[in-house]
């Protein structure tokens, strides 16, 4: 019997609520699930936040499937025990600084971090032993049986394991004291839960990527499973991986390029997954793409971006301006013209910032038209999402709304709406557009700019939810963040118009 863990790569998500978690969706673009305290599924999610407006954590369930797709649990007749071991760690503080495409080995070995001389975080710490201590490493945790739980904190470190945690007190932010916990449900399935969105350090922030001395509780690590059988069949040893990421505020809206796409590409390029498409280090020009499988999903994903950004060209390119399914020679000009409006991929051996994907507009004589996907990795847009100060963003990331399909019963006609924005946190003032655009002629037009009150009691007076939020913040004991005197600098994307 061939067994495997599903999913092979799972995604849990941080949340600052200490209350009940929910479960990851079972499909790409699906809605997460409600759960009880031990991760037993209780139907589609109802609320993403708790009564204090804090974001609930998303747990990732792991199941065991046989070669026919049937699930194996503690209720299966021949199963004696199912033992899970997970080892989460956060290595950011010991890794390299953010450097955009430097370090991306798809551009070749010469683009490695070392070759590009990208500096380490915490560069003043030099010895390998001391740098190892920068890793948040609570050690592995093992769990088995039904309705069990174990934490990734200092109090549950395995005997003899050289665990490492950051300082328990920090000058700015919140100290990282745990990377989460494990739970088993009524059937012995594993649920991995990440941390609580904690981040802190002792130095002012120097960039959007953090600063020396800072740690956070984003993590990942291997998942192991050992299954023993009643009939003394040899034990089964299985492996998977879990990623603990940040909250997904629009879980039903799928990125144009997904993690699944990336995994597929790795399989095609490196593991001979589709030899008809790619073999011997090169693409086969004779490969025939399948429209329904390969092309249509990308168009649908672009169409969904209308619910989170007002980018008309993205929606225009999903309309049936001609028959996309027509592969005839007569329709070739339409297909080629349509494709010419997509931003070109980066050169595989050129890690410089001047890449084809940086060209955001196509010129047709005197006409200039945005190329797609316009707001996917090429330009930052300033939407009125509610947080306008970086320091506030670090503390109040939980304030933003979730985007949910309110017409999920009819998959062909989605209707996405914002839910659970913490409106009680916000005040606003009218600001001249010229303050944003830099054009004095825009001074007569104003837009509302939302901001968060700095006085907690001013927020608490607005109602019960507002009071609950203030109480939760005070319990969290978040220490106000400072920014280095030289400022944060700006990421390359969005700092200038590019054509």
Protein backbone atom coordinates (compact mmCIF):
# COMPACT_ATOMS: atom_id res chain seq x y z
CA UNK A 1 0.00 0.00 0.00
CA UNK A 2 1.41 3.36 -1.08
CA UNK A 3 0.68 6.16 1.38
CA UNK A 4 1.33 9.89 1.25
CA UNK A 5 0.69 13.00 3.34
CA UNK A 6 -1.78 15.48 1.90
CA UNK A 7 -0.99 18.24 1.26
CA UNK A 8 2.67 17.66 0.53
CA UNK A 9 3.25 21.39 1.16
CA UNK A 10 0.77 22.98 3.54
CA UNK A 11 0.24 26.62 4.49
CA UNK A 12 -0.72 27.76 7.99
CA UNK A 13 -1.13 31.48 8.72
CA UNK A 14 -0.36 33.81 11.61
CA UNK A 15 -3.03 35.58 13.62
CA UNK A 16 -2.91 37.71 16.74
CA UNK A 17 -6.05 36.19 18.29
CA UNK A 18 -5.41 33.85 21.21
CA UNK A 19 -8.86 32.38 20.62
CA UNK A 20 -10.25 29.74 18.31
CA UNK A 21 -8.41 29.07 15.04
CA UNK A 22 -9.87 28.02 11.69
CA UNK A 23 -8.62 25.58 9.02
CA UNK A 24 -6.97 26.10 5.64
CA UNK A 25 -9.16 25.66 2.56
CA UNK A 26 -9.00 22.28 0.87
CA UNK A 27 -8.72 23.73 -2.64
CA UNK A 28 -6.89 26.62 -4.30
CA UNK A 29 -9.13 29.66 -3.93
CA UNK A 30 -11.47 27.85 -1.57
CA UNK A 31 -13.00 29.22 1.61
CA UNK A 32 -11.38 28.20 4.93
CA UNK A 33 -13.28 26.09 7.45
CA UNK A 34 -14.45 26.61 11.00
CA UNK A 35 -13.10 24.12 13.53
CA UNK A 36 -13.42 23.19 17.18
CA UNK A 37 -10.57 23.43 19.69
CA UNK A 38 -8.96 20.24 18.35
CA UNK A 39 -9.24 21.01 14.66
CA UNK A 40 -12.37 19.01 13.79
CA UNK A 41 -13.97 20.67 10.77
CA UNK A 42 -17.25 22.48 11.42
CA UNK A 43 -18.27 23.86 8.01
CA UNK A 44 -17.30 27.02 6.07
CA UNK A 45 -15.78 29.88 8.02
CA UNK A 46 -18.13 32.46 9.48
CA UNK A 47 -15.73 35.05 10.91
CA UNK A 48 -12.03 35.69 10.33
CA UNK A 49 -11.68 37.80 13.49
CA UNK A 50 -12.62 37.37 17.13
CA UNK A 51 -14.73 39.64 19.35
CA UNK A 52 -11.75 41.96 19.89
CA UNK A 53 -11.15 42.40 16.16
CA UNK A 54 -8.01 40.24 16.29
CA UNK A 55 -7.20 37.98 13.32
CA UNK A 56 -7.70 34.28 13.99
CA UNK A 57 -4.89 31.89 13.14
CA UNK A 58 -5.28 29.52 10.19
CA UNK A 59 -4.34 25.93 10.99
CA UNK A 60 -3.11 23.56 8.29
CA UNK A 61 -4.57 20.03 8.52
CA UNK A 62 -2.45 17.12 7.30
CA UNK A 63 -4.09 13.84 6.25
CA UNK A 64 -2.81 10.45 5.14
CA UNK A 65 -4.08 9.12 1.81
CA UNK A 66 -3.56 5.81 0.04
CA UNK A 67 -2.94 5.39 -3.68
CA UNK A 68 -6.69 5.52 -4.37
CA UNK A 69 -7.16 8.79 -2.51
CA UNK A 70 -8.88 7.13 0.46
CA UNK A 71 -7.99 8.54 3.86
CA UNK A 72 -6.17 6.52 6.52
CA UNK A 73 -6.97 7.49 10.14
CA UNK A 74 -6.89 6.04 13.64
CA UNK A 75 -10.31 4.57 12.84
CA UNK A 76 -8.89 2.52 9.95
CA UNK A 77 -9.06 -1.18 11.01
CA UNK A 78 -5.37 -1.99 10.51
CA UNK A 79 -3.89 1.23 11.94
CA UNK A 80 -2.38 0.94 15.43
CA UNK A 81 -0.74 4.36 15.83
CA UNK A 82 -0.08 7.54 13.86
CA UNK A 83 2.80 9.63 15.15
CA UNK A 84 3.55 13.10 13.82
CA UNK A 85 6.75 15.11 14.23
CA UNK A 86 7.10 18.74 13.10
CA UNK A 87 10.14 21.00 13.34
CA UNK A 88 9.35 24.70 12.87
CA UNK A 89 12.09 27.34 12.79
CA UNK A 90 12.49 30.99 11.81
CA UNK A 91 15.88 31.64 10.19
CA UNK A 92 15.38 35.19 8.91
CA UNK A 93 17.65 36.85 11.50
CA UNK A 94 20.55 34.62 10.42
CA UNK A 95 19.90 34.96 6.68
CA UNK A 96 20.72 37.57 4.05
CA UNK A 97 19.20 41.02 3.73
CA UNK A 98 16.29 41.54 1.35
CA UNK A 99 17.80 42.06 -2.09
CA UNK A 100 14.95 41.57 -4.60
CA UNK A 101 16.27 39.37 -7.42
CA UNK A 102 19.82 39.05 -6.16
CA UNK A 103 20.13 35.52 -4.83
CA UNK A 104 17.63 34.07 -7.31
CA UNK A 105 19.55 31.09 -8.73
CA UNK A 106 17.25 30.88 -11.76
CA UNK A 107 19.60 33.56 -13.11
CA UNK A 108 22.56 31.24 -12.59
CA UNK A 109 25.10 30.51 -9.86
CA UNK A 110 26.77 33.87 -10.46
CA UNK A 111 23.62 35.48 -9.01
CA UNK A 112 23.97 33.76 -5.63
CA UNK A 113 23.89 35.86 -2.47
CA UNK A 114 27.59 35.25 -1.97
CA UNK A 115 28.53 36.13 -5.56
CA UNK A 116 26.46 39.31 -5.43
CA UNK A 117 27.97 40.17 -2.02
CA UNK A 118 24.58 40.58 -0.38
CA UNK A 119 25.18 41.34 3.33
CA UNK A 120 23.83 39.21 6.14
CA UNK A 121 21.32 40.42 8.64
CA UNK A 122 22.96 41.17 11.99
CA UNK A 123 26.35 41.51 10.23
CA UNK A 124 28.13 42.38 13.47
CA UNK A 125 27.68 38.76 14.62
CA UNK A 126 30.48 36.87 12.89
CA UNK A 127 31.07 33.37 14.26
CA UNK A 128 29.02 30.48 12.89
CA UNK A 129 28.09 29.37 16.41
CA UNK A 130 26.80 32.81 17.36
CA UNK A 131 24.91 33.21 14.09
CA UNK A 132 23.24 29.86 14.68
CA UNK A 133 21.78 31.33 17.86
CA UNK A 134 20.00 33.99 15.78
CA UNK A 135 17.65 31.27 14.52
CA UNK A 136 14.38 30.89 16.41
CA UNK A 137 14.61 27.12 16.84
CA UNK A 138 12.42 25.53 19.52
CA UNK A 139 13.30 22.05 18.29
CA UNK A 140 11.02 19.30 16.95
CA UNK A 141 7.70 18.39 18.52
CA UNK A 142 6.11 14.93 18.40
CA UNK A 143 2.42 14.25 18.88
CA UNK A 144 0.15 11.19 18.49
CA UNK A 145 -3.30 10.02 19.41
CA UNK A 146 -6.59 11.88 19.48
CA UNK A 147 -7.22 15.40 20.84
CA UNK A 148 -3.63 16.10 21.81
CA UNK A 149 -1.72 19.39 21.75
CA UNK A 150 1.88 20.55 22.19
CA UNK A 151 3.44 24.02 21.90
CA UNK A 152 6.61 25.32 20.22
CA UNK A 153 7.72 27.34 23.25
CA UNK A 154 10.58 27.26 25.73
CA UNK A 155 8.60 25.19 28.20
CA UNK A 156 8.22 22.20 25.89
CA UNK A 157 11.70 21.86 24.38
CA UNK A 158 12.71 18.17 23.99
CA UNK A 159 15.24 17.06 26.63
CA UNK A 160 18.80 17.68 25.48
CA UNK A 161 17.85 19.72 22.39
CA UNK A 162 19.90 22.96 21.99
CA UNK A 163 16.90 25.22 21.42
CA UNK A 164 17.38 28.92 20.73
CA UNK A 165 14.91 31.75 21.33
CA UNK A 166 15.34 35.52 20.93
CA UNK A 167 15.39 37.77 24.02
CA UNK A 168 12.19 37.67 26.08
CA UNK A 169 12.23 41.47 26.38
CA UNK A 170 12.60 43.90 23.46
CA UNK A 171 12.75 47.67 23.13
CA UNK A 172 10.41 47.82 20.12
CA UNK A 173 7.49 45.62 19.08
CA UNK A 174 6.69 42.32 20.78
CA UNK A 175 9.12 39.51 21.69
CA UNK A 176 8.81 36.15 19.98
CA UNK A 177 8.19 33.48 22.62
CA UNK A 178 6.57 30.75 20.54
CA UNK A 179 6.26 29.60 16.92
CA UNK A 180 2.83 28.07 17.50
CA UNK A 181 1.58 24.61 18.37
CA UNK A 182 0.39 21.23 17.10
CA UNK A 183 -3.04 19.67 17.58
CA UNK A 184 -4.56 16.31 16.65
CA UNK A 185 -8.27 15.92 15.92
CA UNK A 186 -10.69 13.10 16.69
CA UNK A 187 -9.23 10.88 13.94
CA UNK A 188 -5.55 11.55 14.68
CA UNK A 189 -5.05 14.02 11.84
CA UNK A 190 -2.41 16.68 12.43
CA UNK A 191 -3.17 20.42 12.53
CA UNK A 192 -0.17 22.80 12.48
CA UNK A 193 -0.73 26.26 13.95
CA UNK A 194 1.77 29.09 13.60
CA UNK A 195 2.57 32.02 15.82
CA UNK A 196 0.73 35.20 16.74
CA UNK A 197 2.26 37.81 14.45
CA UNK A 198 4.88 38.87 16.96
CA UNK A 199 7.89 40.87 15.81
CA UNK A 200 10.35 42.88 17.85
CA UNK A 201 13.91 44.02 18.40
CA UNK A 202 16.14 46.56 20.12
CA UNK A 203 17.13 48.83 17.22
CA UNK A 204 15.00 51.24 15.14
CA UNK A 205 13.85 49.87 11.81
CA UNK A 206 16.20 50.63 8.93
CA UNK A 207 14.19 49.12 6.05
CA UNK A 208 10.90 47.52 5.13
CA UNK A 209 12.67 44.19 5.63
CA UNK A 210 13.35 44.83 9.31
CA UNK A 211 16.57 45.64 11.14
CA UNK A 212 19.36 44.04 13.11
CA UNK A 213 18.25 42.49 16.44
CA UNK A 214 14.70 41.94 15.09
CA UNK A 215 12.93 38.58 15.00
CA UNK A 216 9.44 37.53 13.91
CA UNK A 217 7.43 34.31 14.06
CA UNK A 218 7.08 33.52 10.35
CA UNK A 219 8.40 29.97 10.09
CA UNK A 220 8.48 26.73 8.16
CA UNK A 221 9.78 23.21 8.51
CA UNK A 222 9.42 19.49 7.80
CA UNK A 223 6.47 17.30 8.75
CA UNK A 224 7.15 13.63 9.45
CA UNK A 225 4.67 10.82 10.02
CA UNK A 226 5.22 7.24 11.24
CA UNK A 227 2.32 4.79 10.92
CA UNK A 228 2.35 1.43 12.66
CA UNK A 229 -0.08 -1.36 11.77
CA UNK A 230 -1.89 -4.00 13.80
CA UNK A 231 -0.91 -6.85 11.47
CA UNK A 232 2.80 -6.11 12.03
CA UNK A 233 3.26 -4.80 8.49
CA UNK A 234 6.40 -2.68 8.28
CA UNK A 235 5.91 0.85 9.50
CA UNK A 236 5.25 3.58 6.93
CA UNK A 237 7.50 6.66 7.04
CA UNK A 238 6.14 9.76 5.29
CA UNK A 239 7.30 13.36 4.83
CA UNK A 240 5.75 16.73 3.95
CA UNK A 241 6.46 20.40 4.58
CA UNK A 242 4.59 23.26 6.24
CA UNK A 243 4.91 27.00 5.68
CA UNK A 244 3.60 29.47 8.26
CA UNK A 245 2.81 32.66 6.37
CA UNK A 246 1.09 35.95 7.02
CA UNK A 247 -2.73 36.24 6.95
CA UNK A 248 -4.46 35.99 3.59
CA UNK A 249 -6.97 38.83 3.61
CA UNK A 250 -8.54 37.63 0.33
CA UNK A 251 -8.35 33.81 0.48
CA UNK A 252 -10.78 33.21 -2.37
CA UNK A 253 -8.95 35.49 -4.80
CA UNK A 254 -6.12 33.52 -6.38
CA UNK A 255 -2.80 35.11 -7.32
CA UNK A 256 -2.12 35.27 -11.04
CA UNK A 257 0.95 33.13 -10.43
CA UNK A 258 0.39 30.59 -7.65
CA UNK A 259 2.66 28.45 -5.49
CA UNK A 260 1.25 25.47 -7.39
CA UNK A 261 2.45 27.07 -10.65
CA UNK A 262 5.91 27.50 -9.17
CA UNK A 263 6.04 23.88 -8.01
CA UNK A 264 4.88 22.73 -11.44
CA UNK A 265 7.61 24.78 -13.10
CA UNK A 266 10.24 23.24 -10.82
CA UNK A 267 8.96 19.79 -11.72
CA UNK A 268 9.02 20.54 -15.46
CA UNK A 269 12.51 22.08 -15.47
CA UNK A 270 14.24 19.77 -13.04
CA UNK A 271 12.36 16.48 -12.71
CA UNK A 272 11.17 15.66 -16.23
CA UNK A 273 7.55 16.08 -15.14
CA UNK A 274 6.23 16.83 -18.65
CA UNK A 275 8.88 15.64 -21.13
CA UNK A 276 6.66 16.61 -24.08
CA UNK A 277 6.98 20.22 -22.89
CA UNK A 278 10.57 20.36 -21.62
CA UNK A 279 13.44 17.89 -21.92
CA UNK A 280 17.24 17.90 -22.09
CA UNK A 281 17.37 21.46 -20.77
CA UNK A 282 15.17 23.03 -23.45
CA UNK A 283 11.54 23.64 -24.35
CA UNK A 284 9.88 21.59 -27.09
CA UNK A 285 8.42 24.00 -29.69
CA UNK A 286 5.98 21.30 -30.76
CA UNK A 287 4.19 21.16 -27.40
CA UNK A 288 0.48 21.93 -27.66
CA UNK A 289 -1.00 23.89 -24.74
CA UNK A 290 -4.47 23.00 -23.51
CA UNK A 291 -6.65 26.09 -23.35
CA UNK A 292 -8.91 24.93 -20.53
CA UNK A 293 -6.02 23.66 -18.42
CA UNK A 294 -3.18 26.07 -19.20
CA UNK A 295 -4.65 29.39 -20.40
CA UNK A 296 -8.16 29.91 -19.05
CA UNK A 297 -7.17 29.75 -15.33
CA UNK A 298 -4.78 32.69 -15.81
CA UNK A 299 -7.52 34.80 -17.39
CA UNK A 300 -9.95 33.96 -14.60
CA UNK A 301 -7.40 34.97 -11.96
CA UNK A 302 -6.85 38.34 -13.65
CA UNK A 303 -10.60 38.89 -13.69
CA UNK A 304 -10.84 38.38 -9.94
CA UNK A 305 -8.41 41.23 -9.25
CA UNK A 306 -11.28 43.67 -9.89
CA UNK A 307 -12.48 42.93 -6.36
CA UNK A 308 -9.32 44.24 -4.73
CA UNK A 309 -8.02 46.87 -7.17
CA UNK A 310 -9.50 49.30 -9.65
CA UNK A 311 -7.36 48.34 -12.65
CA UNK A 312 -9.64 48.36 -15.69
CA UNK A 313 -7.12 46.81 -18.13
CA UNK A 314 -6.95 43.69 -15.97
CA UNK A 315 -10.68 43.16 -16.38
CA UNK A 316 -10.67 44.14 -20.06
CA UNK A 317 -8.23 41.35 -20.86
CA UNK A 318 -10.57 38.73 -19.43
CA UNK A 319 -13.51 39.68 -21.66
CA UNK A 320 -14.20 37.71 -24.81
CA UNK A 321 -12.85 40.28 -27.26
CA UNK A 322 -12.33 37.38 -29.69
CA UNK A 323 -12.65 33.61 -29.52
CA UNK A 324 -9.77 32.63 -27.23
CA UNK A 325 -10.36 28.95 -27.94
CA UNK A 326 -9.88 29.32 -31.70
CA UNK A 327 -6.41 27.93 -32.51
CA UNK A 328 -6.80 28.34 -36.27
CA UNK A 329 -4.39 30.20 -38.56
CA UNK A 330 -7.13 32.73 -39.29
CA UNK A 331 -7.17 33.70 -35.60
CA UNK A 332 -3.38 33.86 -35.22
CA UNK A 333 -3.14 37.65 -35.53
CA UNK A 334 -5.68 38.11 -32.72
CA UNK A 335 -3.81 35.71 -30.46
CA UNK A 336 -0.42 37.30 -31.14
CA UNK A 337 -1.75 40.82 -30.63
CA UNK A 338 -3.39 39.77 -27.35
CA UNK A 339 -0.16 38.18 -26.15
CA UNK A 340 1.84 41.31 -27.05
CA UNK A 341 0.08 43.20 -24.25
CA UNK A 342 1.52 40.88 -21.61
CA UNK A 343 4.69 42.04 -19.91
CA UNK A 344 7.63 39.97 -21.13
CA UNK A 345 9.41 37.63 -18.72
CA UNK A 346 12.80 38.52 -17.29
CA UNK A 347 15.95 37.36 -19.03
CA UNK A 348 17.07 34.13 -17.40
CA UNK A 349 20.73 35.15 -17.13
CA UNK A 350 20.28 38.85 -16.41
CA UNK A 351 19.65 39.74 -12.74
CA UNK A 352 19.86 43.50 -13.37
CA UNK A 353 16.87 45.69 -12.45
CA UNK A 354 16.35 46.70 -16.09
CA UNK A 355 14.23 43.73 -17.09
CA UNK A 356 11.48 43.31 -19.71
CA UNK A 357 8.91 42.89 -16.93
CA UNK A 358 9.67 46.47 -15.84
CA UNK A 359 8.08 47.77 -19.06
CA UNK A 360 4.56 48.61 -17.93
CA UNK A 361 3.10 50.24 -21.04
CA UNK A 362 2.82 49.40 -24.72
CA UNK A 363 3.01 52.17 -27.29
CA UNK A 364 0.78 51.93 -30.36
CA UNK A 365 1.70 55.03 -32.32
CA UNK A 366 0.57 57.89 -30.10
CA UNK A 367 -1.54 55.60 -27.96
CA UNK A 368 -0.19 54.22 -24.71
CA UNK A 369 -1.87 51.23 -23.13
CA UNK A 370 -1.09 49.49 -19.82
CA UNK A 371 0.41 46.05 -20.16
CA UNK A 372 -0.79 43.21 -17.97
CA UNK A 373 -0.63 42.06 -15.30
CA UNK A 374 -0.27 45.72 -14.31
CA UNK A 375 -0.41 45.40 -10.52
CA UNK A 376 1.40 42.09 -10.15
CA UNK A 377 4.99 42.70 -9.12
CA UNK A 378 5.61 45.84 -11.13
CA UNK A 379 3.98 48.81 -9.49
CA UNK A 380 2.69 49.64 -6.04
CA UNK A 381 -0.66 51.39 -6.01
CA UNK A 382 -1.82 53.70 -3.22
CA UNK A 383 -5.29 52.45 -2.34
CA UNK A 384 -7.29 53.78 0.56
CA UNK A 385 -6.89 50.60 2.59
CA UNK A 386 -6.80 52.40 5.90
CA UNK A 387 -3.20 52.48 7.16
CA UNK A 388 -0.99 55.30 5.93
CA UNK A 389 1.93 55.22 8.34
CA UNK A 390 4.52 52.42 8.28
CA UNK A 391 4.99 52.43 12.05
CA UNK A 392 1.22 52.07 12.48
CA UNK A 393 1.19 49.27 9.93
CA UNK A 394 3.58 47.19 12.03
CA UNK A 395 1.24 47.35 15.02
CA UNK A 396 -2.17 47.50 13.33
CA UNK A 397 -1.87 45.02 10.45
CA UNK A 398 -4.92 43.25 11.90
CA UNK A 399 -7.11 46.30 11.18
CA UNK A 400 -7.66 45.57 7.49
CA UNK A 401 -10.75 43.92 6.07
CA UNK A 402 -11.06 40.42 4.70
CA UNK A 403 -12.45 39.90 1.21
CA UNK A 404 -15.07 37.16 0.97
CA UNK A 405 -17.28 35.78 -1.79
CA UNK A 406 -20.83 36.49 -0.66
CA UNK A 407 -22.26 34.43 -3.50
CA UNK A 408 -20.24 31.27 -2.93
CA UNK A 409 -23.34 29.13 -3.59
CA UNK A 410 -23.06 30.07 -7.27
CA UNK A 411 -19.45 29.62 -8.36
CA UNK A 412 -20.07 31.16 -11.77
CA UNK A 413 -21.14 34.53 -10.38
CA UNK A 414 -18.92 35.59 -7.48
CA UNK A 415 -19.67 38.73 -5.53
CA UNK A 416 -16.82 39.71 -3.25
CA UNK A 417 -17.30 42.11 -0.36
CA UNK A 418 -15.19 43.42 2.51
CA UNK A 419 -15.94 41.96 5.92
CA UNK A 420 -14.73 42.69 9.43
CA UNK A 421 -12.70 45.83 8.86
CA UNK A 422 -11.93 47.30 12.28
CA UNK A 423 -13.56 50.63 11.43
CA UNK A 424 -13.59 51.74 15.07
CA UNK A 425 -9.83 52.23 14.89
CA UNK A 426 -9.93 54.81 12.13
CA UNK A 427 -10.32 58.53 11.83
CA UNK A 428 -9.88 60.48 8.61
CA UNK A 429 -9.09 63.89 7.23
CA UNK A 430 -9.36 65.40 3.76
CA UNK A 431 -5.97 65.77 2.11
CA UNK A 432 -5.23 67.67 -1.13
CA UNK A 433 -4.38 65.30 -3.96
CA UNK A 434 -1.34 67.49 -4.62
CA UNK A 435 0.18 66.22 -1.36
CA UNK A 436 0.22 62.76 -2.94
CA UNK A 437 0.80 63.49 -6.62
CA UNK A 438 3.28 66.34 -6.19
CA UNK A 439 1.35 68.32 -8.81
CA UNK A 440 0.25 71.77 -7.49
CA UNK A 441 -2.66 71.78 -9.96
CA UNK A 442 -4.26 68.94 -7.95
CA UNK A 443 -4.48 71.07 -4.79
CA UNK A 444 -8.18 71.88 -5.20
CA UNK A 445 -9.19 68.23 -5.13
CA UNK A 446 -9.15 66.38 -1.85
CA UNK A 447 -9.49 62.74 -0.84
CA UNK A 448 -10.14 61.25 2.58
CA UNK A 449 -7.01 59.76 4.14
CA UNK A 450 -7.65 57.35 6.97
CA UNK A 451 -5.39 57.08 9.98
CA UNK A 452 -5.43 55.45 13.40
CA UNK A 453 -5.77 57.48 16.56
CA UNK A 454 -2.67 57.44 18.75
CA UNK A 455 -4.68 57.78 21.96
CA UNK A 456 -6.19 54.41 22.96
CA UNK A 457 -8.96 55.96 25.03
CA UNK A 458 -10.19 57.93 22.03
CA UNK A 459 -10.65 54.60 20.27
CA UNK A 460 -12.14 52.79 23.28
CA UNK A 461 -14.94 55.33 23.60
CA UNK A 462 -16.41 54.33 20.23
CA UNK A 463 -18.12 51.13 21.32
CA UNK A 464 -17.74 47.63 22.70
CA UNK A 465 -15.61 46.30 19.83
CA UNK A 466 -13.34 49.34 20.10
CA UNK A 467 -12.95 48.78 23.84
CA UNK A 468 -12.19 45.09 23.28
CA UNK A 469 -9.54 46.01 20.71
CA UNK A 470 -7.86 48.46 23.06
CA UNK A 471 -7.90 45.90 25.87
CA UNK A 472 -6.32 43.31 23.55
CA UNK A 473 -3.62 45.76 22.49
CA UNK A 474 -2.80 46.64 26.08
CA UNK A 475 -2.56 42.94 26.96
CA UNK A 476 -0.23 42.45 24.02
CA UNK A 477 2.09 45.13 25.45
CA UNK A 478 3.36 46.15 22.03
CA UNK A 479 6.21 48.65 22.39
CA UNK A 480 6.04 51.50 19.90
CA UNK A 481 8.31 51.09 16.88
CA UNK A 482 10.97 53.66 15.98
CA UNK A 483 12.41 54.27 12.53
CA UNK A 484 16.10 54.98 12.01
CA UNK A 485 17.02 58.63 11.52
CA UNK A 486 18.01 58.04 7.90
CA UNK A 487 14.56 56.63 7.19
CA UNK A 488 13.48 53.33 5.68
CA UNK A 489 14.34 54.01 2.08
CA UNK A 490 11.96 52.83 -0.60
CA UNK A 491 11.58 49.48 -2.35
CA UNK A 492 12.47 49.62 -6.03
CA UNK A 493 8.94 48.70 -7.12
CA UNK A 494 6.69 51.73 -7.03
CA UNK A 495 9.38 54.36 -6.45
CA UNK A 496 9.13 55.70 -9.98
CA UNK A 497 7.10 55.42 -13.12
CA UNK A 498 8.61 52.97 -15.58
CA UNK A 499 7.85 52.37 -19.26
